[in-house]
Amino acid sequence: MNVDWRNKWNEPSAPFLFVQLPGFMDMNYLPSESRWAELREAQLKTLSVPNTGMAVAIDLGEWNDIHPDRKKEVGDRLALLAEKIAYGEKEIVYSGPLYQSATIDGNNIIVSFSNVGSGLITNDGEALNYFAIAGADKKFVWAKAIIRDNKVIVWNENVLYPVYVRYAWADNPDGANLYNNEGLPASPFEAQAKH
């Protein structure tokens, strides 16, 4: 859509900034399918269009209101994107971690991210949560996950041959806690890992 608008406005490199859907509706305590997560994944994929930026807002949502009360944080994140994308600021961390790739290493999946800033952290000092893993059958189960060398290693002892990995794949992933040191949250994602 932004390519079409750029053509109509005769502005081929106009920046487009948007906010990813926040957490919304009831929490689900088991890994499950989610239309909201699918929409967030589609939003994430639009970043392949040049001069496009996405502010992650999964941590700012309200279970009963699609419009988050915490609008200042949304605005702050959009301002960082504008500094980078619209104004070309080179030395700025403008986004939280974004999925880059996943590789299989034995019964682990190792996930790499762009926009790690000065390092990956959990924003609450607790263990990583909201990671799920599945074999070829795509039956997801909660997984353990640790940060090592600015990558996340994900596993579940009962999944010997992992193929798929998800993070914060839920309508309302309340408590998803992967961030960069600059305080920006990671985007939810689903991925098939490669050997």
Protein backbone atom coordinates (compact mmCIF):
# COMPACT_ATOMS: atom_id res chain seq x y z
CA MET A 1 0.00 0.00 0.00
CA ASN A 2 2.79 2.47 0.82
CA VAL A 3 4.31 1.89 -2.64
CA ASP A 4 0.95 2.81 -4.18
CA TRP A 5 0.70 5.98 -2.07
CA ARG A 6 4.27 6.93 -2.95
CA ASN A 7 3.43 6.57 -6.64
CA LYS A 8 0.21 8.60 -6.34
CA TRP A 9 1.98 11.36 -4.41
CA ASN A 10 4.98 11.22 -6.77
CA GLU A 11 7.23 10.77 -3.71
CA PRO A 12 9.07 7.49 -4.39
CA SER A 13 11.08 7.56 -1.15
CA ALA A 14 8.52 9.04 1.26
CA PRO A 15 9.00 7.51 4.71
CA PHE A 16 6.16 5.43 6.16
CA LEU A 17 6.00 4.81 9.89
CA PHE A 18 3.34 2.73 11.61
CA VAL A 19 2.54 1.09 14.92
CA GLN A 20 2.33 -2.69 15.20
CA LEU A 21 -0.87 -3.97 16.78
CA PRO A 22 -0.66 -3.90 20.59
CA GLY A 23 -1.59 -6.71 22.94
CA PHE A 24 -5.38 -7.01 23.01
CA MET A 25 -8.06 -9.36 24.34
CA ASP A 26 -7.71 -12.13 26.90
CA MET A 27 -4.42 -13.87 27.57
CA ASN A 28 -4.06 -17.46 26.44
CA TYR A 29 -1.90 -19.53 28.74
CA LEU A 30 -1.07 -22.20 26.15
CA PRO A 31 0.68 -21.82 22.80
CA SER A 32 -2.09 -21.41 20.25
CA GLU A 33 -3.03 -19.89 16.94
CA SER A 34 -3.77 -16.17 16.88
CA ARG A 35 -5.23 -13.95 14.17
CA TRP A 36 -3.73 -10.92 15.93
CA ALA A 37 -0.29 -12.53 15.80
CA GLU A 38 -0.77 -13.27 12.09
CA LEU A 39 -1.60 -9.60 11.48
CA ARG A 40 1.49 -8.53 13.45
CA GLU A 41 3.60 -10.90 11.33
CA ALA A 42 2.19 -9.32 8.15
CA GLN A 43 3.07 -5.89 9.56
CA LEU A 44 6.61 -7.09 10.34
CA LYS A 45 7.03 -8.30 6.74
CA THR A 46 6.22 -4.84 5.36
CA LEU A 47 9.57 -3.67 6.71
CA SER A 48 11.09 -5.21 3.59
CA VAL A 49 9.79 -2.12 1.77
CA PRO A 50 12.51 0.57 1.85
CA ASN A 51 12.06 3.64 4.06
CA THR A 52 9.46 1.94 6.27
CA GLY A 53 9.48 1.75 10.07
CA MET A 54 7.38 -0.08 12.66
CA ALA A 55 6.98 0.82 16.32
CA VAL A 56 6.39 -2.34 18.37
CA ALA A 57 3.59 -1.85 20.92
CA ILE A 58 2.80 -5.33 22.27
CA ASP A 59 3.81 -4.19 25.74
CA LEU A 60 1.55 -1.12 25.67
CA GLY A 61 -1.84 -2.70 24.95
CA GLU A 62 -4.94 -3.03 27.09
CA TRP A 63 -6.76 -6.35 27.16
CA ASN A 64 -10.11 -4.57 26.71
CA ASP A 65 -9.15 -1.62 24.46
CA ILE A 66 -7.34 -1.74 21.13
CA HIS A 67 -6.15 1.85 21.67
CA PRO A 68 -3.43 1.80 24.35
CA ASP A 69 -3.61 4.30 27.21
CA ARG A 70 0.18 4.69 27.09
CA LYS A 71 0.32 6.92 24.02
CA LYS A 72 3.49 8.77 25.06
CA GLU A 73 5.56 5.58 24.73
CA VAL A 74 4.03 4.92 21.30
CA GLY A 75 4.91 8.48 20.28
CA ASP A 76 8.45 8.17 21.65
CA ARG A 77 9.02 5.01 19.60
CA LEU A 78 7.63 6.65 16.46
CA ALA A 79 9.91 9.65 17.07
CA LEU A 80 12.97 7.36 17.18
CA LEU A 81 11.88 5.84 13.86
CA ALA A 82 11.40 9.31 12.36
CA GLU A 83 14.89 10.37 13.49
CA LYS A 84 16.37 7.37 11.69
CA ILE A 85 14.17 6.91 8.64
CA ALA A 86 12.90 10.42 7.86
CA TYR A 87 15.90 12.44 9.06
CA GLY A 88 18.76 9.98 8.49
CA GLU A 89 20.24 10.00 12.01
CA LYS A 90 23.01 7.40 11.79
CA GLU A 91 23.95 6.85 15.43
CA ILE A 92 20.59 5.95 16.94
CA VAL A 93 18.95 2.77 18.18
CA TYR A 94 15.52 3.26 16.67
CA SER A 95 13.87 -0.14 17.06
CA GLY A 96 13.69 -3.14 19.32
CA PRO A 97 15.05 -6.51 18.20
CA LEU A 98 13.61 -7.78 14.92
CA TYR A 99 13.77 -11.41 13.83
CA GLN A 100 16.59 -12.00 11.35
CA SER A 101 17.18 -15.76 11.09
CA ALA A 102 16.86 -19.10 12.89
CA THR A 103 19.15 -22.09 12.63
CA ILE A 104 18.86 -25.59 14.02
CA ASP A 105 21.68 -26.82 16.25
CA GLY A 106 20.85 -30.30 17.59
CA ASN A 107 17.63 -29.93 19.55
CA ASN A 108 18.06 -26.15 19.85
CA ILE A 109 16.97 -23.33 17.59
CA ILE A 110 19.30 -20.34 17.61
CA VAL A 111 17.54 -17.09 16.75
CA SER A 112 19.42 -14.03 15.47
CA PHE A 113 18.05 -10.50 15.50
CA SER A 114 18.76 -7.15 13.95
CA ASN A 115 18.45 -3.98 16.05
CA VAL A 116 19.95 -5.50 19.18
CA GLY A 117 21.36 -2.09 20.10
CA SER A 118 23.92 -2.47 22.88
CA GLY A 119 22.62 -5.94 23.75
CA LEU A 120 19.64 -8.21 24.33
CA ILE A 121 18.05 -8.31 27.77
CA THR A 122 14.86 -9.20 29.56
CA ASN A 123 13.10 -6.06 30.70
CA ASP A 124 12.12 -7.59 34.04
CA GLY A 125 15.30 -9.46 35.01
CA GLU A 126 13.42 -12.77 34.78
CA ALA A 127 13.95 -15.72 32.42
CA LEU A 128 12.84 -15.21 28.82
CA ASN A 129 9.24 -16.18 28.25
CA TYR A 130 6.70 -16.48 25.45
CA PHE A 131 8.98 -18.57 23.25
CA ALA A 132 7.39 -21.68 21.74
CA ILE A 133 8.90 -24.42 19.61
CA ALA A 134 7.56 -27.17 17.36
CA GLY A 135 8.73 -30.04 15.23
CA ALA A 136 7.59 -30.70 11.67
CA ASP A 137 4.06 -31.36 13.00
CA LYS A 138 3.79 -27.65 13.98
CA LYS A 139 2.36 -28.55 17.40
CA PHE A 140 3.83 -25.76 19.50
CA VAL A 141 4.84 -26.15 23.14
CA TRP A 142 6.36 -23.62 25.49
CA ALA A 143 10.12 -23.55 25.31
CA LYS A 144 13.01 -22.52 27.47
CA ALA A 145 15.13 -19.72 26.08
CA ILE A 146 18.36 -17.98 27.04
CA ILE A 147 20.30 -15.06 25.66
CA ARG A 148 23.85 -15.85 24.57
CA ASP A 149 26.07 -13.61 22.41
CA ASN A 150 23.09 -11.43 21.47
CA LYS A 151 21.22 -14.43 20.11
CA VAL A 152 18.44 -16.43 21.73
CA ILE A 153 18.79 -20.19 22.12
CA VAL A 154 15.39 -21.92 22.32
CA TRP A 155 14.62 -25.55 23.23
CA ASN A 156 12.22 -27.98 24.83
CA GLU A 157 13.51 -31.37 26.02
CA ASN A 158 10.46 -33.08 24.48
CA VAL A 159 11.05 -31.67 20.98
CA LEU A 160 14.06 -33.60 19.70
CA TYR A 161 13.89 -32.31 16.12
CA PRO A 162 12.76 -28.70 16.25
CA VAL A 163 11.72 -26.93 13.07
CA TYR A 164 9.59 -23.92 14.05
CA VAL A 165 9.96 -21.18 16.62
CA ARG A 166 7.61 -18.43 17.78
CA TYR A 167 7.94 -15.47 20.09
CA ALA A 168 5.00 -13.62 21.66
CA TRP A 169 2.63 -15.38 19.27
CA ALA A 170 -0.66 -14.54 20.99
CA ASP A 171 -3.48 -12.01 20.94
CA ASN A 172 -2.17 -10.53 24.17
CA PRO A 173 1.37 -11.70 24.95
CA ASP A 174 1.34 -10.00 28.34
CA GLY A 175 4.75 -10.43 29.94
CA ALA A 176 6.74 -10.97 26.71
CA ASN A 177 10.09 -9.72 27.95
CA LEU A 178 12.75 -9.71 25.20
CA TYR A 179 14.13 -6.18 24.75
CA ASN A 180 17.34 -4.44 23.83
CA ASN A 181 19.33 -2.48 26.42
CA GLU A 182 17.81 0.71 25.06
CA GLY A 183 14.41 -0.39 26.40
CA LEU A 184 12.72 -1.25 23.10
CA PRO A 185 10.72 -4.49 22.86
CA ALA A 186 11.28 -7.26 20.35
CA SER A 187 8.61 -7.82 17.73
CA PRO A 188 6.63 -11.05 17.82
CA PHE A 189 7.50 -13.50 15.05
CA GLU A 190 7.09 -17.01 13.71
CA ALA A 191 9.86 -18.71 11.75
CA GLN A 192 10.96 -21.97 10.24
CA ALA A 193 14.55 -22.68 11.22
CA LYS A 194 17.18 -23.80 8.74
CA HIS A 195 19.99 -26.33 9.16
